[in-house]
Amino acid sequence: MFDESVQLTATEPLAITQSIIRDGFHFTPTLGIGFRHINNSDWGRFKETTLQAVVLLLEYSQDAVLLFNGETIVFQRLCGKLTFNSGYRLWEDDKWLRSRLALPFERRPLPSPLR
């Protein structure tokens, strides 16, 4: 998956990161994926590409959490339940999100256990 609006990175999580996620979300991550909006690129394309990447990654994962700046929850899937943070700007438009996802999900505020 390639788009000029987003830089994707994949890394093995550090032990400290695994510990923080385990303590806060009760699972141990085995892969870290980073999404970075490229400055001055199209925000809509970034949003669309990020959602496409998330859906693809969720096909191959179990529990997952996407964080902004390491503490704000963007979305989480815990025990099979996918939830998007309604307080995060990528998911402000519920109709937009529902028109692009076939997966069952909910959209609500997600306070972070990491703050």
N, C-alpha and C. Protein backbone atom coordinates (compact mmCIF):
# COMPACT_ATOMS: atom_id res chain seq x y z
N MET A 1 0.85 -1.17 0.00
CA MET A 1 0.00 0.00 0.00
C MET A 1 0.90 1.23 0.00
N PHE A 2 0.68 2.11 -0.97
CA PHE A 2 1.49 3.31 -1.08
C PHE A 2 0.61 4.51 -1.35
N ASP A 3 0.90 5.60 -0.68
CA ASP A 3 0.23 6.86 -0.95
C ASP A 3 1.18 7.97 -0.50
N GLU A 4 1.26 9.02 -1.28
CA GLU A 4 2.19 10.10 -0.97
C GLU A 4 1.78 10.94 0.23
N SER A 5 0.59 10.71 0.78
CA SER A 5 0.13 11.49 1.92
C SER A 5 0.49 10.87 3.27
N VAL A 6 0.96 9.62 3.25
CA VAL A 6 1.22 8.93 4.51
C VAL A 6 2.53 8.16 4.44
N GLN A 7 3.23 8.18 5.56
CA GLN A 7 4.42 7.36 5.71
C GLN A 7 4.08 6.27 6.73
N LEU A 8 4.22 5.02 6.32
CA LEU A 8 3.96 3.88 7.20
C LEU A 8 5.28 3.26 7.63
N THR A 9 5.37 2.91 8.90
CA THR A 9 6.55 2.21 9.39
C THR A 9 6.09 1.00 10.20
N ALA A 10 6.88 -0.04 10.17
CA ALA A 10 6.60 -1.25 10.95
C ALA A 10 7.85 -1.60 11.74
N THR A 11 7.68 -1.83 13.03
CA THR A 11 8.82 -2.14 13.90
C THR A 11 8.42 -3.20 14.92
N GLU A 12 9.41 -3.83 15.48
CA GLU A 12 9.18 -4.71 16.63
C GLU A 12 9.08 -3.80 17.85
N PRO A 13 8.02 -3.93 18.65
CA PRO A 13 7.88 -3.04 19.81
C PRO A 13 8.99 -3.26 20.84
N LEU A 14 9.43 -2.18 21.44
CA LEU A 14 10.39 -2.26 22.54
C LEU A 14 9.71 -2.91 23.74
N ALA A 15 10.51 -3.49 24.62
CA ALA A 15 9.98 -4.15 25.82
C ALA A 15 9.16 -3.17 26.66
N ILE A 16 9.62 -1.93 26.77
CA ILE A 16 8.89 -0.93 27.57
C ILE A 16 7.53 -0.63 26.94
N THR A 17 7.48 -0.57 25.61
CA THR A 17 6.21 -0.34 24.91
C THR A 17 5.27 -1.51 25.14
N GLN A 18 5.79 -2.72 25.04
CA GLN A 18 4.97 -3.91 25.28
C GLN A 18 4.39 -3.89 26.71
N SER A 19 5.23 -3.50 27.65
CA SER A 19 4.79 -3.44 29.05
C SER A 19 3.69 -2.39 29.25
N ILE A 20 3.85 -1.22 28.65
CA ILE A 20 2.86 -0.15 28.78
C ILE A 20 1.52 -0.57 28.17
N ILE A 21 1.57 -1.17 26.99
CA ILE A 21 0.34 -1.63 26.33
C ILE A 21 -0.31 -2.76 27.13
N ARG A 22 0.50 -3.68 27.61
CA ARG A 22 -0.01 -4.80 28.41
C ARG A 22 -0.71 -4.27 29.67
N ASP A 23 -0.09 -3.31 30.35
CA ASP A 23 -0.68 -2.75 31.57
C ASP A 23 -1.95 -1.95 31.28
N GLY A 24 -1.94 -1.19 30.18
CA GLY A 24 -3.08 -0.32 29.88
C GLY A 24 -4.22 -0.99 29.15
N PHE A 25 -3.89 -1.96 28.27
CA PHE A 25 -4.92 -2.54 27.40
C PHE A 25 -5.06 -4.06 27.54
N HIS A 26 -4.19 -4.68 28.34
CA HIS A 26 -4.28 -6.11 28.67
C HIS A 26 -4.00 -7.04 27.49
N PHE A 27 -3.10 -6.63 26.62
CA PHE A 27 -2.55 -7.53 25.61
C PHE A 27 -1.14 -7.07 25.32
N THR A 28 -0.32 -7.97 24.77
CA THR A 28 1.07 -7.65 24.46
C THR A 28 1.24 -7.53 22.96
N PRO A 29 1.58 -6.35 22.48
CA PRO A 29 1.75 -6.18 21.03
C PRO A 29 3.00 -6.89 20.52
N THR A 30 2.90 -7.44 19.32
CA THR A 30 4.05 -8.09 18.69
C THR A 30 4.54 -7.32 17.48
N LEU A 31 3.80 -6.27 17.10
CA LEU A 31 4.17 -5.45 15.96
C LEU A 31 3.73 -4.02 16.23
N GLY A 32 4.59 -3.08 15.88
CA GLY A 32 4.25 -1.67 15.98
C GLY A 32 4.16 -1.07 14.59
N ILE A 33 3.04 -0.43 14.27
CA ILE A 33 2.84 0.23 12.98
C ILE A 33 2.69 1.71 13.23
N GLY A 34 3.42 2.51 12.49
CA GLY A 34 3.32 3.96 12.61
C GLY A 34 2.71 4.57 11.36
N PHE A 35 1.84 5.55 11.56
CA PHE A 35 1.22 6.30 10.47
C PHE A 35 1.62 7.76 10.65
N ARG A 36 2.19 8.36 9.64
CA ARG A 36 2.61 9.76 9.73
C ARG A 36 2.08 10.52 8.52
N HIS A 37 1.33 11.58 8.81
CA HIS A 37 0.82 12.44 7.75
C HIS A 37 1.99 13.28 7.21
N ILE A 38 2.18 13.22 5.91
CA ILE A 38 3.25 14.00 5.27
C ILE A 38 2.80 15.45 5.19
N ASN A 39 3.64 16.35 5.68
CA ASN A 39 3.30 17.78 5.68
C ASN A 39 2.85 18.26 4.31
N ASN A 40 1.84 19.11 4.33
CA ASN A 40 1.29 19.75 3.13
C ASN A 40 0.68 18.77 2.14
N SER A 41 0.42 17.55 2.54
CA SER A 41 -0.25 16.61 1.64
C SER A 41 -1.75 16.62 1.95
N ASP A 42 -2.50 16.00 1.08
CA ASP A 42 -3.96 16.00 1.16
C ASP A 42 -4.44 15.24 2.40
N TRP A 43 -5.15 15.94 3.28
CA TRP A 43 -5.63 15.35 4.52
C TRP A 43 -6.65 14.24 4.23
N GLY A 44 -7.53 14.45 3.27
CA GLY A 44 -8.54 13.46 2.92
C GLY A 44 -7.92 12.15 2.44
N ARG A 45 -6.88 12.26 1.63
CA ARG A 45 -6.18 11.05 1.16
C ARG A 45 -5.51 10.33 2.31
N PHE A 46 -4.91 11.10 3.21
CA PHE A 46 -4.28 10.50 4.40
C PHE A 46 -5.32 9.73 5.20
N LYS A 47 -6.45 10.33 5.44
CA LYS A 47 -7.52 9.72 6.22
C LYS A 47 -8.00 8.43 5.54
N GLU A 48 -8.23 8.49 4.24
CA GLU A 48 -8.69 7.33 3.48
C GLU A 48 -7.65 6.20 3.49
N THR A 49 -6.40 6.55 3.25
CA THR A 49 -5.32 5.55 3.21
C THR A 49 -5.12 4.92 4.59
N THR A 50 -5.17 5.74 5.63
CA THR A 50 -5.02 5.22 6.98
C THR A 50 -6.12 4.21 7.30
N LEU A 51 -7.36 4.54 6.95
CA LEU A 51 -8.46 3.62 7.20
C LEU A 51 -8.28 2.32 6.41
N GLN A 52 -7.88 2.41 5.15
CA GLN A 52 -7.65 1.22 4.34
C GLN A 52 -6.56 0.34 4.96
N ALA A 53 -5.49 0.97 5.43
CA ALA A 53 -4.40 0.21 6.05
C ALA A 53 -4.87 -0.45 7.35
N VAL A 54 -5.64 0.27 8.13
CA VAL A 54 -6.16 -0.27 9.39
C VAL A 54 -7.02 -1.50 9.12
N VAL A 55 -7.93 -1.42 8.16
CA VAL A 55 -8.80 -2.54 7.84
C VAL A 55 -7.97 -3.74 7.39
N LEU A 56 -6.98 -3.50 6.55
CA LEU A 56 -6.11 -4.59 6.10
C LEU A 56 -5.36 -5.22 7.27
N LEU A 57 -4.80 -4.41 8.13
CA LEU A 57 -4.06 -4.93 9.28
C LEU A 57 -4.96 -5.70 10.25
N LEU A 58 -6.18 -5.25 10.43
CA LEU A 58 -7.09 -5.92 11.34
C LEU A 58 -7.48 -7.31 10.86
N GLU A 59 -7.38 -7.55 9.55
CA GLU A 59 -7.66 -8.89 9.02
C GLU A 59 -6.65 -9.91 9.54
N TYR A 60 -5.46 -9.45 9.92
CA TYR A 60 -4.37 -10.34 10.31
C TYR A 60 -3.97 -10.18 11.77
N SER A 61 -4.80 -9.52 12.55
CA SER A 61 -4.44 -9.30 13.95
C SER A 61 -5.60 -9.69 14.86
N GLN A 62 -5.29 -9.68 16.14
CA GLN A 62 -6.32 -9.93 17.14
C GLN A 62 -6.59 -8.60 17.83
N ASP A 63 -6.12 -8.43 19.03
CA ASP A 63 -6.29 -7.15 19.71
C ASP A 63 -5.34 -6.12 19.11
N ALA A 64 -5.78 -4.87 19.10
CA ALA A 64 -4.96 -3.80 18.52
C ALA A 64 -5.38 -2.47 19.13
N VAL A 65 -4.44 -1.55 19.14
CA VAL A 65 -4.73 -0.18 19.55
C VAL A 65 -3.87 0.74 18.69
N LEU A 66 -4.47 1.82 18.20
CA LEU A 66 -3.72 2.84 17.47
C LEU A 66 -3.75 4.09 18.32
N LEU A 67 -2.56 4.57 18.66
CA LEU A 67 -2.42 5.72 19.54
C LEU A 67 -1.84 6.90 18.78
N PHE A 68 -2.26 8.10 19.16
CA PHE A 68 -1.65 9.33 18.65
C PHE A 68 -0.77 9.87 19.76
N ASN A 69 0.48 10.15 19.43
CA ASN A 69 1.46 10.64 20.40
C ASN A 69 1.60 9.73 21.62
N GLY A 70 1.34 8.45 21.43
CA GLY A 70 1.57 7.47 22.48
C GLY A 70 0.56 7.43 23.59
N GLU A 71 -0.49 8.28 23.54
CA GLU A 71 -1.43 8.26 24.65
C GLU A 71 -2.89 8.47 24.25
N THR A 72 -3.17 9.17 23.17
CA THR A 72 -4.55 9.38 22.73
C THR A 72 -4.98 8.21 21.86
N ILE A 73 -6.06 7.55 22.24
CA ILE A 73 -6.55 6.41 21.48
C ILE A 73 -7.24 6.89 20.21
N VAL A 74 -6.80 6.38 19.07
CA VAL A 74 -7.43 6.66 17.78
C VAL A 74 -8.50 5.61 17.54
N PHE A 75 -8.16 4.35 17.72
CA PHE A 75 -9.12 3.25 17.72
C PHE A 75 -8.53 2.12 18.53
N GLN A 76 -9.39 1.17 18.88
CA GLN A 76 -8.92 -0.03 19.57
C GLN A 76 -9.82 -1.20 19.18
N ARG A 77 -9.22 -2.37 19.15
CA ARG A 77 -10.01 -3.60 19.04
C ARG A 77 -9.54 -4.49 20.17
N LEU A 78 -10.43 -4.69 21.10
CA LEU A 78 -10.15 -5.50 22.28
C LEU A 78 -11.21 -6.59 22.38
N CYS A 79 -10.77 -7.83 22.52
CA CYS A 79 -11.67 -8.99 22.60
C CYS A 79 -12.63 -9.02 21.41
N GLY A 80 -12.14 -8.63 20.25
CA GLY A 80 -12.94 -8.68 19.03
C GLY A 80 -13.84 -7.49 18.79
N LYS A 81 -13.93 -6.55 19.71
CA LYS A 81 -14.82 -5.40 19.59
C LYS A 81 -14.03 -4.18 19.10
N LEU A 82 -14.37 -3.71 17.89
CA LEU A 82 -13.69 -2.57 17.27
C LEU A 82 -14.40 -1.27 17.66
N THR A 83 -13.63 -0.33 18.21
CA THR A 83 -14.19 0.94 18.66
C THR A 83 -13.29 2.07 18.17
N PHE A 84 -13.91 3.06 17.51
CA PHE A 84 -13.20 4.25 17.07
C PHE A 84 -13.48 5.36 18.07
N ASN A 85 -12.46 6.15 18.36
CA ASN A 85 -12.59 7.26 19.30
C ASN A 85 -13.32 8.42 18.63
N SER A 86 -14.54 8.69 19.07
CA SER A 86 -15.33 9.78 18.48
C SER A 86 -14.72 11.14 18.78
N GLY A 87 -13.84 11.21 19.76
CA GLY A 87 -13.18 12.47 20.10
C GLY A 87 -11.92 12.74 19.30
N TYR A 88 -11.57 11.82 18.39
CA TYR A 88 -10.38 12.01 17.58
C TYR A 88 -10.77 12.49 16.19
N ARG A 89 -10.07 13.46 15.66
CA ARG A 89 -10.49 14.17 14.44
C ARG A 89 -10.61 13.31 13.18
N LEU A 90 -9.91 12.20 13.09
CA LEU A 90 -10.06 11.35 11.91
C LEU A 90 -11.47 10.78 11.79
N TRP A 91 -12.13 10.59 12.91
CA TRP A 91 -13.43 9.91 12.91
C TRP A 91 -14.57 10.83 13.29
N GLU A 92 -14.44 12.13 13.08
CA GLU A 92 -15.50 13.08 13.42
C GLU A 92 -16.79 12.81 12.65
N ASP A 93 -16.67 12.38 11.41
CA ASP A 93 -17.83 12.19 10.55
C ASP A 93 -18.27 10.73 10.58
N ASP A 94 -19.30 10.45 11.37
CA ASP A 94 -19.78 9.08 11.53
C ASP A 94 -20.26 8.49 10.20
N LYS A 95 -20.96 9.29 9.39
CA LYS A 95 -21.46 8.80 8.10
C LYS A 95 -20.30 8.40 7.18
N TRP A 96 -19.23 9.19 7.16
CA TRP A 96 -18.05 8.88 6.34
C TRP A 96 -17.48 7.53 6.75
N LEU A 97 -17.31 7.34 8.04
CA LEU A 97 -16.71 6.11 8.55
C LEU A 97 -17.61 4.91 8.25
N ARG A 98 -18.88 5.03 8.48
CA ARG A 98 -19.81 3.91 8.24
C ARG A 98 -19.91 3.57 6.75
N SER A 99 -19.74 4.56 5.88
CA SER A 99 -19.82 4.30 4.44
C SER A 99 -18.60 3.54 3.91
N ARG A 100 -17.55 3.46 4.70
CA ARG A 100 -16.31 2.84 4.24
C ARG A 100 -15.97 1.52 4.95
N LEU A 101 -16.73 1.17 5.96
CA LEU A 101 -16.43 -0.04 6.72
C LEU A 101 -17.56 -1.05 6.66
N ALA A 102 -17.20 -2.28 6.35
CA ALA A 102 -18.17 -3.38 6.38
C ALA A 102 -18.09 -4.09 7.73
N LEU A 103 -17.02 -3.84 8.48
CA LEU A 103 -16.84 -4.47 9.79
C LEU A 103 -17.79 -3.86 10.81
N PRO A 104 -18.29 -4.66 11.75
CA PRO A 104 -19.07 -4.08 12.84
C PRO A 104 -18.15 -3.27 13.75
N PHE A 105 -18.61 -2.10 14.16
CA PHE A 105 -17.83 -1.25 15.04
C PHE A 105 -18.75 -0.29 15.77
N GLU A 106 -18.19 0.34 16.77
CA GLU A 106 -18.89 1.44 17.42
C GLU A 106 -17.96 2.65 17.44
N ARG A 107 -18.54 3.79 17.66
CA ARG A 107 -17.80 5.04 17.71
C ARG A 107 -18.25 5.76 18.96
N ARG A 108 -17.31 5.97 19.86
CA ARG A 108 -17.61 6.64 21.15
C ARG A 108 -16.32 7.21 21.72
N PRO A 109 -16.43 8.07 22.74
CA PRO A 109 -15.22 8.58 23.39
C PRO A 109 -14.43 7.44 24.03
N LEU A 110 -13.12 7.49 23.88
CA LEU A 110 -12.24 6.48 24.48
C LEU A 110 -11.20 7.17 25.35
N PRO A 111 -11.45 7.26 26.65
CA PRO A 111 -10.43 7.82 27.53
C PRO A 111 -9.25 6.86 27.62
N SER A 112 -8.06 7.39 27.62
CA SER A 112 -6.87 6.55 27.61
C SER A 112 -6.43 6.17 29.01
N PRO A 113 -6.13 4.90 29.23
CA PRO A 113 -5.57 4.49 30.52
C PRO A 113 -4.11 4.89 30.67
N LEU A 114 -3.51 5.48 29.63
CA LEU A 114 -2.09 5.81 29.65
C LEU A 114 -1.82 7.24 30.11
N ARG A 115 -2.82 8.01 30.37
CA ARG A 115 -2.62 9.41 30.79
C ARG A 115 -2.51 9.52 32.28
